[in-house]
N, C-alpha and C. Protein backbone atom coordinates (compact mmCIF):
# COMPACT_ATOMS: atom_id res chain seq x y z
N UNK A 1 169.06 185.77 38.21
CA UNK A 1 169.34 185.26 36.65
C UNK A 1 170.46 185.94 36.13
N UNK A 2 171.27 185.19 35.41
CA UNK A 2 172.55 185.72 34.88
C UNK A 2 172.19 186.57 33.66
N UNK A 3 173.23 187.57 33.38
CA UNK A 3 173.03 188.44 32.10
C UNK A 3 172.82 187.63 30.86
N UNK A 4 173.38 186.42 30.73
CA UNK A 4 173.39 185.47 29.58
C UNK A 4 171.89 185.07 29.41
N UNK A 5 171.24 184.73 30.39
CA UNK A 5 169.95 184.17 30.55
C UNK A 5 168.89 185.11 29.95
N UNK A 6 169.14 186.54 30.46
CA UNK A 6 168.13 187.65 30.07
C UNK A 6 168.23 187.89 28.65
N UNK A 7 169.44 187.83 28.13
CA UNK A 7 169.52 188.11 26.70
C UNK A 7 168.70 187.07 25.74
N UNK A 8 168.38 185.93 26.17
CA UNK A 8 167.83 185.00 25.32
C UNK A 8 166.19 185.23 25.57
N UNK A 9 165.37 184.71 24.67
CA UNK A 9 163.96 184.85 24.83
C UNK A 9 163.51 183.93 25.85
N UNK A 10 163.80 182.49 25.65
CA UNK A 10 163.28 181.51 26.54
C UNK A 10 164.39 180.63 26.87
N UNK A 11 164.81 180.42 28.10
CA UNK A 11 165.83 179.46 28.50
C UNK A 11 165.29 178.40 29.46
N UNK A 12 165.29 177.23 29.06
CA UNK A 12 164.77 175.98 29.90
C UNK A 12 165.97 175.43 30.59
N UNK A 13 165.95 175.35 31.80
CA UNK A 13 167.09 174.71 32.67
C UNK A 13 166.41 173.59 33.62
N UNK A 14 166.96 172.37 33.53
CA UNK A 14 166.42 171.31 34.36
C UNK A 14 167.04 171.30 35.74
N UNK A 15 166.20 170.92 36.79
CA UNK A 15 166.68 170.86 38.12
C UNK A 15 166.18 169.49 38.55
N UNK A 16 166.61 169.11 39.82
CA UNK A 16 166.05 167.87 40.28
C UNK A 16 164.62 167.95 40.72
N UNK A 17 164.03 169.20 40.81
CA UNK A 17 162.71 169.35 41.13
C UNK A 17 161.65 169.72 39.98
N UNK A 18 162.37 169.81 38.85
CA UNK A 18 161.48 170.08 37.64
C UNK A 18 162.26 171.10 36.73
N UNK A 19 161.45 171.70 35.88
CA UNK A 19 162.03 172.59 34.90
C UNK A 19 161.86 173.98 35.32
N UNK A 20 162.89 174.90 35.03
CA UNK A 20 162.83 176.32 35.21
C UNK A 20 162.78 176.94 33.85
N UNK A 21 161.69 177.64 33.54
CA UNK A 21 161.61 178.33 32.31
C UNK A 21 161.77 179.79 32.42
N UNK A 22 163.02 180.22 32.14
CA UNK A 22 163.25 181.76 32.20
C UNK A 22 162.81 182.38 30.98
N UNK A 23 162.28 183.52 31.11
CA UNK A 23 161.62 184.32 29.85
C UNK A 23 162.28 185.74 30.00
N UNK A 24 162.58 186.31 28.95
CA UNK A 24 163.00 187.74 28.89
C UNK A 24 161.73 188.54 28.85
N UNK A 25 161.45 189.17 29.90
CA UNK A 25 160.18 190.02 30.08
C UNK A 25 160.23 191.26 29.14
N UNK A 26 161.27 191.62 28.53
CA UNK A 26 161.33 192.69 27.55
C UNK A 26 161.08 192.43 26.23
N UNK A 27 161.01 191.05 26.03
CA UNK A 27 160.82 190.70 24.69
C UNK A 27 159.35 190.75 24.25
N UNK A 28 159.07 190.76 22.88
CA UNK A 28 157.69 190.79 22.49
C UNK A 28 157.03 189.45 22.79
N UNK A 29 155.77 189.56 23.39
CA UNK A 29 155.12 188.33 24.02
C UNK A 29 154.92 187.33 22.98
N UNK A 30 154.64 187.71 21.72
CA UNK A 30 154.37 186.67 20.63
C UNK A 30 155.70 185.88 20.41
N UNK A 31 156.92 186.66 20.39
CA UNK A 31 158.13 186.04 20.12
C UNK A 31 158.35 185.03 21.20
N UNK A 32 158.12 185.33 22.49
CA UNK A 32 158.29 184.48 23.61
C UNK A 32 157.36 183.13 23.36
N UNK A 33 156.16 183.27 22.99
CA UNK A 33 155.32 182.15 22.71
C UNK A 33 155.93 181.21 21.72
N UNK A 34 156.48 181.72 20.60
CA UNK A 34 157.01 181.01 19.42
C UNK A 34 158.16 180.33 19.86
N UNK A 35 159.14 180.97 20.57
CA UNK A 35 160.38 180.49 21.09
C UNK A 35 160.08 179.32 22.03
N UNK A 36 159.16 179.43 23.00
CA UNK A 36 158.84 178.36 23.87
C UNK A 36 158.23 177.23 23.21
N UNK A 37 157.34 177.42 22.47
CA UNK A 37 156.63 176.34 21.40
C UNK A 37 157.72 175.60 20.69
N UNK A 38 158.77 176.33 20.12
CA UNK A 38 159.76 175.68 19.26
C UNK A 38 160.70 174.83 20.19
N UNK A 39 161.05 175.21 21.31
CA UNK A 39 161.92 174.54 22.37
C UNK A 39 161.23 173.27 22.85
N UNK A 40 159.97 173.39 23.14
CA UNK A 40 159.23 172.21 23.78
C UNK A 40 159.07 171.22 22.60
N UNK A 41 158.74 171.57 21.45
CA UNK A 41 158.60 170.60 20.28
C UNK A 41 159.90 169.95 20.02
N UNK A 42 161.02 170.68 20.16
CA UNK A 42 162.39 170.04 19.91
C UNK A 42 162.64 168.89 20.95
N UNK A 43 161.87 168.91 22.17
CA UNK A 43 162.07 167.87 23.17
C UNK A 43 161.61 166.53 22.77
N UNK A 44 160.71 166.44 21.82
CA UNK A 44 160.19 165.16 21.19
C UNK A 44 159.55 164.30 22.43
N UNK A 45 158.78 165.03 23.18
CA UNK A 45 158.00 164.30 24.34
C UNK A 45 158.76 164.10 25.44
N UNK A 46 160.08 164.39 25.58
CA UNK A 46 160.81 164.11 26.74
C UNK A 46 160.42 165.07 28.02
N UNK A 47 159.79 166.08 27.70
CA UNK A 47 159.35 167.06 28.61
C UNK A 47 158.02 166.63 29.28
N UNK A 48 157.36 165.77 28.58
CA UNK A 48 155.90 165.33 29.01
C UNK A 48 155.88 164.88 30.56
N UNK A 49 154.98 165.39 31.25
CA UNK A 49 154.88 165.11 32.52
C UNK A 49 155.77 165.76 33.55
N UNK A 50 156.65 166.58 33.08
CA UNK A 50 157.66 167.21 33.95
C UNK A 50 156.97 168.41 34.75
N UNK A 51 157.36 168.71 35.88
CA UNK A 51 156.86 169.82 36.62
C UNK A 51 157.65 171.07 36.21
N UNK A 52 156.98 172.17 36.31
CA UNK A 52 157.78 173.45 35.91
C UNK A 52 157.25 174.66 36.53
N UNK A 53 158.15 175.76 36.41
CA UNK A 53 157.77 176.99 36.89
C UNK A 53 158.37 178.00 35.92
N UNK A 54 157.69 179.11 35.75
CA UNK A 54 157.99 180.20 34.74
C UNK A 54 158.48 181.43 35.54
N UNK A 55 159.66 181.95 35.18
CA UNK A 55 160.11 183.07 35.77
C UNK A 55 160.40 184.21 34.52
N UNK A 56 159.96 185.33 34.87
CA UNK A 56 160.25 186.45 33.81
C UNK A 56 161.01 187.56 34.45
N UNK A 57 161.97 188.11 33.72
CA UNK A 57 162.70 189.27 34.22
C UNK A 57 162.99 190.27 33.07
N UNK A 58 162.20 191.52 33.25
CA UNK A 58 161.31 191.79 34.24
C UNK A 58 160.03 190.91 34.28
N UNK A 59 159.19 190.98 35.39
CA UNK A 59 158.10 190.08 35.46
C UNK A 59 157.22 190.20 34.17
N UNK A 60 156.67 189.09 33.90
CA UNK A 60 155.78 188.97 32.67
C UNK A 60 154.22 189.55 33.14
N UNK A 61 153.55 190.00 32.11
CA UNK A 61 152.26 190.42 32.43
C UNK A 61 151.38 189.26 32.54
N UNK A 62 150.24 189.21 33.31
CA UNK A 62 149.36 188.10 33.39
C UNK A 62 148.88 187.49 32.14
N UNK A 63 148.58 188.16 31.18
CA UNK A 63 148.08 187.67 29.89
C UNK A 63 149.21 186.84 29.30
N UNK A 64 150.36 187.41 29.19
CA UNK A 64 151.49 186.68 28.54
C UNK A 64 151.81 185.42 29.23
N UNK A 65 151.77 185.54 30.71
CA UNK A 65 152.04 184.36 31.48
C UNK A 65 151.06 183.18 31.29
N UNK A 66 149.76 183.58 31.13
CA UNK A 66 148.79 182.67 30.93
C UNK A 66 148.92 181.89 29.63
N UNK A 67 149.35 182.67 28.57
CA UNK A 67 149.54 182.00 27.28
C UNK A 67 150.73 181.01 27.23
N UNK A 68 151.73 181.43 28.09
CA UNK A 68 152.98 180.48 28.21
C UNK A 68 152.65 179.26 29.04
N UNK A 69 151.63 179.46 29.98
CA UNK A 69 151.40 178.33 30.75
C UNK A 69 150.50 177.28 29.75
N UNK A 70 149.68 177.90 29.02
CA UNK A 70 148.80 177.10 28.06
C UNK A 70 149.65 176.34 27.10
N UNK A 71 150.78 176.88 26.63
CA UNK A 71 151.69 176.11 25.79
C UNK A 71 152.34 175.07 26.51
N UNK A 72 152.65 175.26 27.70
CA UNK A 72 153.37 174.18 28.43
C UNK A 72 152.43 172.95 28.67
N UNK A 73 151.20 173.29 29.16
CA UNK A 73 150.17 172.23 29.41
C UNK A 73 149.87 171.53 28.10
N UNK A 74 149.82 172.29 27.03
CA UNK A 74 149.50 171.52 25.73
C UNK A 74 150.66 170.45 25.33
N UNK A 75 151.83 170.77 25.96
CA UNK A 75 152.99 169.84 25.62
C UNK A 75 153.11 168.89 26.74
N UNK A 76 152.11 168.65 27.70
CA UNK A 76 152.23 167.71 28.66
C UNK A 76 152.94 168.01 29.97
N UNK A 77 153.44 169.28 30.14
CA UNK A 77 154.06 169.60 31.29
C UNK A 77 152.88 169.98 32.32
N UNK A 78 153.33 169.91 33.52
CA UNK A 78 152.46 170.06 34.70
C UNK A 78 152.97 171.31 35.68
N UNK A 79 152.20 172.39 36.03
CA UNK A 79 152.71 173.35 36.83
C UNK A 79 153.15 172.93 38.22
N UNK A 80 154.25 173.21 38.76
CA UNK A 80 154.61 172.85 39.98
C UNK A 80 153.80 173.25 41.10
N UNK A 81 153.42 172.34 41.97
CA UNK A 81 152.57 172.80 43.16
C UNK A 81 153.19 173.79 43.93
N UNK A 82 154.38 173.47 44.25
CA UNK A 82 155.21 174.48 45.01
C UNK A 82 156.19 174.97 44.04
N UNK A 83 156.32 176.35 44.07
CA UNK A 83 157.20 176.95 43.01
C UNK A 83 158.76 176.52 43.08
N UNK A 84 159.21 176.27 41.97
CA UNK A 84 160.53 175.83 41.92
C UNK A 84 161.47 176.93 42.09
N UNK A 85 162.45 176.80 43.04
CA UNK A 85 163.23 177.90 43.34
C UNK A 85 164.54 177.93 42.50
N UNK A 86 164.89 179.08 41.73
CA UNK A 86 166.00 179.09 40.97
C UNK A 86 167.26 178.93 41.74
N UNK A 87 168.18 178.30 41.31
CA UNK A 87 169.51 178.03 42.00
C UNK A 87 170.16 179.36 42.36
N UNK A 88 170.90 179.41 43.43
CA UNK A 88 171.64 180.64 43.84
C UNK A 88 172.84 180.85 42.88
N UNK A 89 173.05 182.14 42.62
CA UNK A 89 174.26 182.40 41.75
C UNK A 89 175.55 182.45 42.28
N UNK A 90 175.61 182.58 43.67
CA UNK A 90 176.76 182.48 44.42
C UNK A 90 177.51 181.15 44.35
N UNK A 91 178.80 181.15 44.20
CA UNK A 91 179.49 179.79 43.94
C UNK A 91 179.58 179.10 45.39
N UNK A 92 179.08 177.89 45.53
CA UNK A 92 179.02 177.19 46.79
C UNK A 92 179.96 175.90 46.62
N UNK A 93 180.45 175.44 47.64
CA UNK A 93 181.16 174.01 47.48
C UNK A 93 180.27 173.07 47.00
N UNK A 94 180.81 172.15 46.10
CA UNK A 94 179.96 171.13 45.48
C UNK A 94 179.56 170.15 46.59
N UNK A 95 178.32 169.92 46.80
CA UNK A 95 177.83 168.91 47.81
C UNK A 95 178.15 167.57 47.59
N UNK A 96 178.32 166.76 48.63
CA UNK A 96 178.64 165.31 48.51
C UNK A 96 177.41 164.59 47.87
N UNK A 97 177.68 163.65 47.16
CA UNK A 97 176.53 162.71 46.46
C UNK A 97 176.15 161.84 47.61
N UNK A 98 174.73 161.82 47.76
CA UNK A 98 174.11 161.09 48.78
C UNK A 98 173.40 159.90 48.08
N UNK A 99 173.50 158.73 48.70
CA UNK A 99 172.88 157.49 48.14
C UNK A 99 171.80 157.07 49.11
N UNK A 100 170.92 156.27 48.45
CA UNK A 100 169.75 155.69 49.26
C UNK A 100 170.28 154.38 50.02
N UNK A 101 170.02 154.38 51.18
CA UNK A 101 170.38 153.18 51.97
C UNK A 101 169.72 151.84 51.43
N UNK A 102 168.49 152.00 50.75
CA UNK A 102 167.79 150.87 50.43
C UNK A 102 168.14 150.35 48.97
N UNK A 103 168.50 151.33 48.07
CA UNK A 103 168.79 151.05 46.67
C UNK A 103 170.26 151.25 46.33
N UNK A 104 170.84 152.26 47.08
CA UNK A 104 172.37 152.53 46.69
C UNK A 104 172.41 153.46 45.46
N UNK A 105 171.16 153.81 44.88
CA UNK A 105 171.18 154.69 43.84
C UNK A 105 171.30 156.04 44.41
N UNK A 106 171.78 157.08 43.46
CA UNK A 106 171.94 158.41 43.86
C UNK A 106 170.66 159.20 44.18
N UNK A 107 170.74 160.10 45.12
CA UNK A 107 169.72 160.95 45.33
C UNK A 107 170.20 162.31 44.86
N UNK A 108 169.59 162.86 43.84
CA UNK A 108 170.13 164.11 43.24
C UNK A 108 170.11 165.39 44.14
N UNK A 109 171.24 166.06 44.18
CA UNK A 109 171.40 167.26 45.06
C UNK A 109 170.59 168.34 44.43
N UNK A 110 169.86 169.27 45.23
CA UNK A 110 169.12 170.40 44.57
C UNK A 110 170.23 171.33 44.00
N UNK A 111 171.55 171.36 44.51
CA UNK A 111 172.44 172.26 43.96
C UNK A 111 173.16 171.84 42.73
N UNK A 112 172.84 170.56 42.29
CA UNK A 112 173.54 169.95 41.21
C UNK A 112 173.29 170.69 39.87
N UNK A 113 174.18 171.09 39.22
CA UNK A 113 174.09 172.07 38.01
C UNK A 113 173.78 171.11 36.88
N UNK A 114 172.68 171.56 36.11
CA UNK A 114 172.33 170.98 34.83
C UNK A 114 172.47 171.97 33.62
N UNK A 115 173.16 171.46 32.46
CA UNK A 115 173.44 172.26 31.30
C UNK A 115 172.42 171.71 30.32
N UNK A 116 171.86 172.83 29.58
CA UNK A 116 170.97 172.53 28.53
C UNK A 116 171.66 172.86 27.15
N UNK A 117 172.04 171.93 26.28
CA UNK A 117 172.58 172.37 24.93
C UNK A 117 171.48 172.11 23.89
N UNK A 118 171.08 173.15 23.38
CA UNK A 118 170.02 173.33 22.26
C UNK A 118 170.79 173.19 20.86
N UNK A 119 171.43 172.03 20.65
CA UNK A 119 172.03 171.79 19.36
C UNK A 119 172.49 170.38 19.37
N UNK A 120 172.79 169.91 18.16
CA UNK A 120 173.47 168.42 18.03
C UNK A 120 174.88 168.68 18.24
N UNK A 121 175.66 167.50 18.45
CA UNK A 121 177.06 167.46 18.52
C UNK A 121 177.51 166.75 17.28
N UNK A 122 178.31 167.53 16.56
CA UNK A 122 178.81 166.91 15.16
C UNK A 122 180.13 166.05 15.41
N UNK A 123 180.44 165.31 14.47
CA UNK A 123 181.52 164.40 14.39
C UNK A 123 182.80 165.30 14.67
N UNK A 124 183.62 164.91 15.69
CA UNK A 124 184.91 165.45 16.01
C UNK A 124 184.72 166.38 17.31
N UNK A 125 183.43 166.62 17.57
CA UNK A 125 183.22 167.43 18.80
C UNK A 125 183.35 166.68 20.15
N UNK A 126 184.06 167.24 21.10
CA UNK A 126 184.35 166.59 22.44
C UNK A 126 184.05 167.63 23.51
N UNK A 127 183.00 167.47 24.28
CA UNK A 127 182.72 168.41 25.24
C UNK A 127 182.45 167.68 26.79
N UNK A 128 182.89 168.54 27.74
CA UNK A 128 182.92 167.91 29.10
C UNK A 128 182.15 169.01 30.07
N UNK A 129 181.27 168.44 30.95
CA UNK A 129 180.48 169.40 31.73
C UNK A 129 180.65 168.84 33.17
N UNK A 130 180.54 169.80 34.04
CA UNK A 130 180.36 169.59 35.51
C UNK A 130 178.91 169.50 35.85
N UNK A 131 178.40 168.38 36.22
CA UNK A 131 177.02 168.32 36.59
C UNK A 131 176.26 167.45 35.51
N UNK A 132 174.98 167.66 35.33
CA UNK A 132 174.14 166.90 34.35
C UNK A 132 174.09 167.66 33.05
N UNK A 133 173.92 166.98 31.91
CA UNK A 133 173.69 167.54 30.67
C UNK A 133 172.45 167.12 30.02
N UNK A 134 171.69 168.03 29.37
CA UNK A 134 170.48 167.77 28.56
C UNK A 134 170.74 168.24 27.21
N UNK A 135 170.65 167.47 26.10
CA UNK A 135 171.03 167.85 24.83
C UNK A 135 169.78 167.77 24.02
N UNK A 136 169.32 168.90 23.39
CA UNK A 136 168.14 168.97 22.58
C UNK A 136 168.57 168.81 21.18
N UNK A 137 169.04 167.60 20.78
CA UNK A 137 169.53 167.22 19.59
C UNK A 137 170.26 165.80 19.42
N UNK A 138 171.07 165.57 18.53
CA UNK A 138 171.70 164.25 18.46
C UNK A 138 173.08 164.36 18.92
N UNK A 139 173.71 163.30 19.30
CA UNK A 139 175.24 163.08 19.49
C UNK A 139 175.57 162.15 18.23
N UNK A 140 176.24 162.75 17.23
CA UNK A 140 176.50 162.03 16.02
C UNK A 140 177.71 161.14 16.07
N UNK A 141 177.78 160.19 15.25
CA UNK A 141 179.08 159.38 15.21
C UNK A 141 180.35 160.27 15.16
N UNK A 142 181.22 159.85 15.99
CA UNK A 142 182.47 160.63 16.12
C UNK A 142 182.54 161.81 17.07
N UNK A 143 181.35 162.02 17.74
CA UNK A 143 181.20 163.03 18.81
C UNK A 143 181.28 162.52 20.11
N UNK A 144 181.72 163.20 21.16
CA UNK A 144 181.87 162.70 22.54
C UNK A 144 181.30 163.73 23.32
N UNK A 145 180.47 163.20 24.31
CA UNK A 145 179.97 163.98 25.46
C UNK A 145 180.28 163.44 26.87
N UNK A 146 180.83 164.16 27.62
CA UNK A 146 181.28 163.71 29.04
C UNK A 146 180.66 164.66 30.08
N UNK A 147 180.22 164.09 31.22
CA UNK A 147 179.66 164.78 32.35
C UNK A 147 179.95 164.03 33.51
N UNK A 148 180.04 164.76 34.62
CA UNK A 148 180.21 164.21 35.92
C UNK A 148 178.92 163.69 36.41
N UNK A 149 177.80 164.11 35.93
CA UNK A 149 176.36 163.55 36.42
C UNK A 149 175.85 162.87 35.21
N UNK A 150 174.45 163.05 35.08
CA UNK A 150 173.72 162.27 34.16
C UNK A 150 173.79 162.92 32.68
N UNK A 151 173.53 162.15 31.78
CA UNK A 151 173.34 162.58 30.43
C UNK A 151 172.02 162.27 29.81
N UNK A 152 171.30 163.31 29.23
CA UNK A 152 170.02 162.99 28.72
C UNK A 152 170.12 163.61 27.27
N UNK A 153 169.79 162.68 26.27
CA UNK A 153 169.85 163.14 24.88
C UNK A 153 168.50 163.04 24.28
N UNK A 154 167.99 164.13 23.85
CA UNK A 154 166.55 164.23 23.30
C UNK A 154 166.55 163.96 21.81
N UNK A 155 167.46 163.17 21.39
CA UNK A 155 167.47 162.72 20.02
C UNK A 155 168.17 161.39 20.03
N UNK A 156 169.02 161.27 18.96
CA UNK A 156 169.74 159.97 18.68
C UNK A 156 171.14 160.11 19.21
N UNK A 157 171.54 159.08 20.17
CA UNK A 157 173.01 158.92 20.63
C UNK A 157 173.68 157.94 19.86
N UNK A 158 174.43 158.32 18.90
CA UNK A 158 175.22 157.47 18.18
C UNK A 158 176.76 157.62 18.23
N UNK A 159 177.16 158.56 19.04
CA UNK A 159 178.60 158.77 19.36
C UNK A 159 178.97 158.20 20.70
N UNK A 160 179.85 158.89 21.49
CA UNK A 160 180.31 158.33 22.76
C UNK A 160 179.71 159.20 23.80
N UNK A 161 179.20 158.59 24.87
CA UNK A 161 178.75 159.29 26.08
C UNK A 161 179.33 158.67 27.29
N UNK A 162 179.90 159.54 28.19
CA UNK A 162 180.56 159.10 29.29
C UNK A 162 179.94 159.92 30.46
N UNK A 163 179.03 159.20 31.19
CA UNK A 163 178.32 159.80 32.32
C UNK A 163 179.14 159.51 33.65
N UNK A 164 179.08 160.25 34.65
CA UNK A 164 179.94 160.00 35.87
C UNK A 164 181.47 159.84 35.57
N UNK A 165 181.90 160.81 34.71
CA UNK A 165 183.24 160.79 34.34
C UNK A 165 184.26 161.02 35.31
N UNK A 166 183.84 161.63 36.62
CA UNK A 166 184.66 161.67 37.65
C UNK A 166 184.63 160.58 38.63
N UNK A 167 184.13 159.40 38.12
CA UNK A 167 184.06 158.13 38.99
C UNK A 167 182.70 157.82 39.72
N UNK A 168 181.62 158.68 39.27
CA UNK A 168 180.27 158.46 39.89
C UNK A 168 179.57 157.32 39.15
N UNK A 169 179.55 156.17 39.78
CA UNK A 169 178.93 155.14 39.04
C UNK A 169 177.46 155.08 39.10
N UNK A 170 176.90 156.04 39.87
CA UNK A 170 175.39 156.14 39.98
C UNK A 170 174.80 157.15 38.89
N UNK A 171 175.58 157.62 38.06
CA UNK A 171 175.09 158.49 37.03
C UNK A 171 174.28 157.58 35.98
N UNK A 172 173.58 158.12 35.20
CA UNK A 172 172.72 157.34 34.16
C UNK A 172 172.83 158.14 32.93
N UNK A 173 172.44 157.40 31.86
CA UNK A 173 172.37 157.85 30.38
C UNK A 173 171.00 157.53 29.89
N UNK A 174 170.39 158.56 29.36
CA UNK A 174 169.02 158.42 28.73
C UNK A 174 169.15 158.99 27.27
N UNK A 175 168.46 158.18 26.20
CA UNK A 175 168.44 158.78 24.98
C UNK A 175 167.11 158.30 24.35
N UNK A 176 166.71 159.23 23.37
CA UNK A 176 165.52 158.88 22.69
C UNK A 176 165.71 157.79 21.68
N UNK A 177 166.93 157.72 21.12
CA UNK A 177 167.44 156.51 20.33
C UNK A 177 168.85 156.28 20.79
N UNK A 178 169.03 155.14 21.49
CA UNK A 178 170.32 154.74 21.98
C UNK A 178 170.96 153.70 21.20
N UNK A 179 171.97 154.23 20.36
CA UNK A 179 172.72 153.33 19.49
C UNK A 179 174.09 153.85 19.45
N UNK A 180 174.87 153.85 20.48
CA UNK A 180 176.08 154.48 20.70
C UNK A 180 177.30 153.71 20.07
N UNK A 181 178.30 154.37 19.82
CA UNK A 181 179.47 153.70 19.43
C UNK A 181 180.16 153.28 20.69
N UNK A 182 179.97 153.98 21.86
CA UNK A 182 180.55 153.49 23.16
C UNK A 182 179.71 154.23 24.34
N UNK A 183 179.41 153.52 25.32
CA UNK A 183 178.85 154.01 26.57
C UNK A 183 179.88 153.92 27.64
N UNK A 184 179.95 154.95 28.55
CA UNK A 184 180.72 154.75 29.59
C UNK A 184 180.09 155.41 30.91
N UNK A 185 180.12 154.72 31.94
CA UNK A 185 179.51 155.24 33.25
C UNK A 185 180.63 154.92 34.27
N UNK A 186 181.21 156.02 34.83
CA UNK A 186 182.42 155.82 35.66
C UNK A 186 183.50 155.13 35.01
N UNK A 187 183.79 153.93 35.52
CA UNK A 187 184.94 153.13 34.77
C UNK A 187 184.34 151.92 34.00
N UNK A 188 183.02 151.82 33.87
CA UNK A 188 182.39 150.87 33.04
C UNK A 188 182.18 151.22 31.64
N UNK A 189 182.34 150.32 30.82
CA UNK A 189 182.36 150.52 29.36
C UNK A 189 181.43 149.49 28.59
N UNK A 190 180.66 150.05 27.55
CA UNK A 190 179.91 149.10 26.84
C UNK A 190 179.81 149.55 25.48
N UNK A 191 179.58 148.71 24.50
CA UNK A 191 179.48 149.15 23.07
C UNK A 191 178.09 148.42 22.40
N UNK A 192 177.54 149.14 21.51
CA UNK A 192 176.45 148.54 20.92
C UNK A 192 176.87 147.25 19.99
N UNK A 193 176.03 146.19 20.05
CA UNK A 193 176.52 144.97 19.14
C UNK A 193 176.23 145.32 17.75
N UNK A 194 177.04 144.83 16.96
CA UNK A 194 176.88 145.03 15.52
C UNK A 194 175.59 144.61 14.85
N UNK A 195 174.88 145.36 14.09
CA UNK A 195 173.68 144.93 13.41
C UNK A 195 172.53 145.05 14.36
N UNK A 196 172.67 145.58 15.49
CA UNK A 196 171.50 145.73 16.40
C UNK A 196 170.60 146.85 16.02
N UNK A 197 169.37 146.48 15.69
CA UNK A 197 168.35 147.69 15.19
C UNK A 197 168.08 148.61 16.33
N UNK A 198 167.78 149.84 15.92
CA UNK A 198 167.32 150.82 16.94
C UNK A 198 166.00 150.62 17.48
N UNK A 199 165.72 150.71 18.81
CA UNK A 199 164.49 150.50 19.31
C UNK A 199 163.56 151.79 19.28
N UNK A 200 162.33 151.46 19.02
CA UNK A 200 161.38 152.67 18.90
C UNK A 200 160.89 153.31 20.18
N UNK A 201 161.72 153.29 21.15
CA UNK A 201 161.38 153.88 22.44
C UNK A 201 162.68 154.36 23.20
N UNK A 202 162.54 155.24 23.99
CA UNK A 202 163.67 155.91 24.76
C UNK A 202 164.30 154.72 25.65
N UNK A 203 165.60 154.76 25.93
CA UNK A 203 166.20 153.69 26.81
C UNK A 203 167.06 154.33 27.90
N UNK A 204 167.39 153.72 28.83
CA UNK A 204 168.22 154.06 29.97
C UNK A 204 169.34 153.27 30.24
N UNK A 205 170.49 153.71 30.44
CA UNK A 205 171.73 152.89 30.70
C UNK A 205 172.26 153.45 32.17
N UNK A 206 172.49 152.37 33.01
CA UNK A 206 172.97 152.60 34.27
C UNK A 206 174.00 151.48 34.46
N UNK A 207 174.75 151.59 35.65
CA UNK A 207 175.82 150.70 35.92
C UNK A 207 175.67 150.15 37.26
N UNK A 208 176.27 148.82 37.38
CA UNK A 208 176.35 148.30 38.83
C UNK A 208 177.83 147.73 38.79
N UNK A 209 178.29 147.64 40.01
CA UNK A 209 179.75 147.02 40.25
C UNK A 209 179.78 145.66 39.67
N UNK A 210 178.73 144.98 39.90
CA UNK A 210 178.63 143.50 39.66
C UNK A 210 178.49 143.23 37.98
N UNK A 211 177.45 143.95 37.44
CA UNK A 211 176.99 143.57 36.19
C UNK A 211 177.52 144.57 35.21
N UNK A 212 178.13 145.55 35.43
CA UNK A 212 178.69 146.62 34.47
C UNK A 212 177.49 147.44 34.03
N UNK A 213 177.45 147.91 32.77
CA UNK A 213 176.44 148.67 32.28
C UNK A 213 175.16 147.87 31.84
N UNK A 214 174.03 148.28 32.22
CA UNK A 214 172.69 147.73 31.95
C UNK A 214 171.90 148.65 31.08
N UNK A 215 171.28 148.13 30.07
CA UNK A 215 170.45 149.09 29.23
C UNK A 215 168.99 148.47 29.31
N UNK A 216 167.96 149.29 29.50
CA UNK A 216 166.55 148.87 29.56
C UNK A 216 165.70 149.96 29.05
N UNK A 217 164.38 149.68 28.76
CA UNK A 217 163.50 150.57 28.32
C UNK A 217 163.32 151.71 29.35
N UNK A 218 163.28 152.92 28.96
CA UNK A 218 163.22 154.06 29.89
C UNK A 218 161.77 154.17 30.48
N UNK A 219 161.62 154.14 31.66
CA UNK A 219 160.25 154.30 32.45
C UNK A 219 160.46 155.46 33.35
N UNK A 220 159.63 156.56 32.95
CA UNK A 220 159.89 157.85 33.90
C UNK A 220 159.20 157.63 35.25
N UNK A 221 158.27 156.69 35.43
CA UNK A 221 157.70 156.39 36.74
C UNK A 221 158.53 155.42 37.51
N UNK A 222 159.64 154.93 37.11
CA UNK A 222 160.36 153.95 37.76
C UNK A 222 161.43 154.66 38.38
N UNK A 223 161.62 154.45 39.74
CA UNK A 223 162.94 155.09 40.30
C UNK A 223 163.93 154.04 40.70
N UNK A 224 165.17 154.47 40.64
CA UNK A 224 166.24 153.49 40.94
C UNK A 224 166.86 153.79 42.23
């Protein structure tokens, strides 16, 4: 675990196999519970059904660990049957993106980095990340988020989002409220039609070479 992670109370990182919940074992147990509760509530239900593992440094006592597990399950998370392994800290060559022979969609690499932003992006903000990005907040009009992998917005996406900005057409964009000024996946571009009302459910945007960007209701049980 990096020094930056240890300084925080609770740090949630997404991986292709589930969520890694890092906890500062030196912190007050009650403070850990409150911080975890706050972060999960900020997810607005997007964490529901996700598998997770909890890591403490130093290790958490059993009583604190049980309370944190209770909070997770109350928010719809499921303990991972096989413990999710934290990513290695050593820098390794970026693995090649693999695709399914049957669907052509991407198979996420276990080493693909996922960034968690616990804030909204204000107008004028432009940020670019290597790997996937999860935003616990909104992307406001005039803001732009770019990532070489997927983009997941746990709030409203009303600015510009560019997934697969390195040319990866298999990247996707998911938002709790998808009403962007512009969507881009690799070299494909789409804009929201004028006057289109926001839908009361999360949506997924993906791209194909033939049809460009396609938007549909997000279904966590549907694999592409």
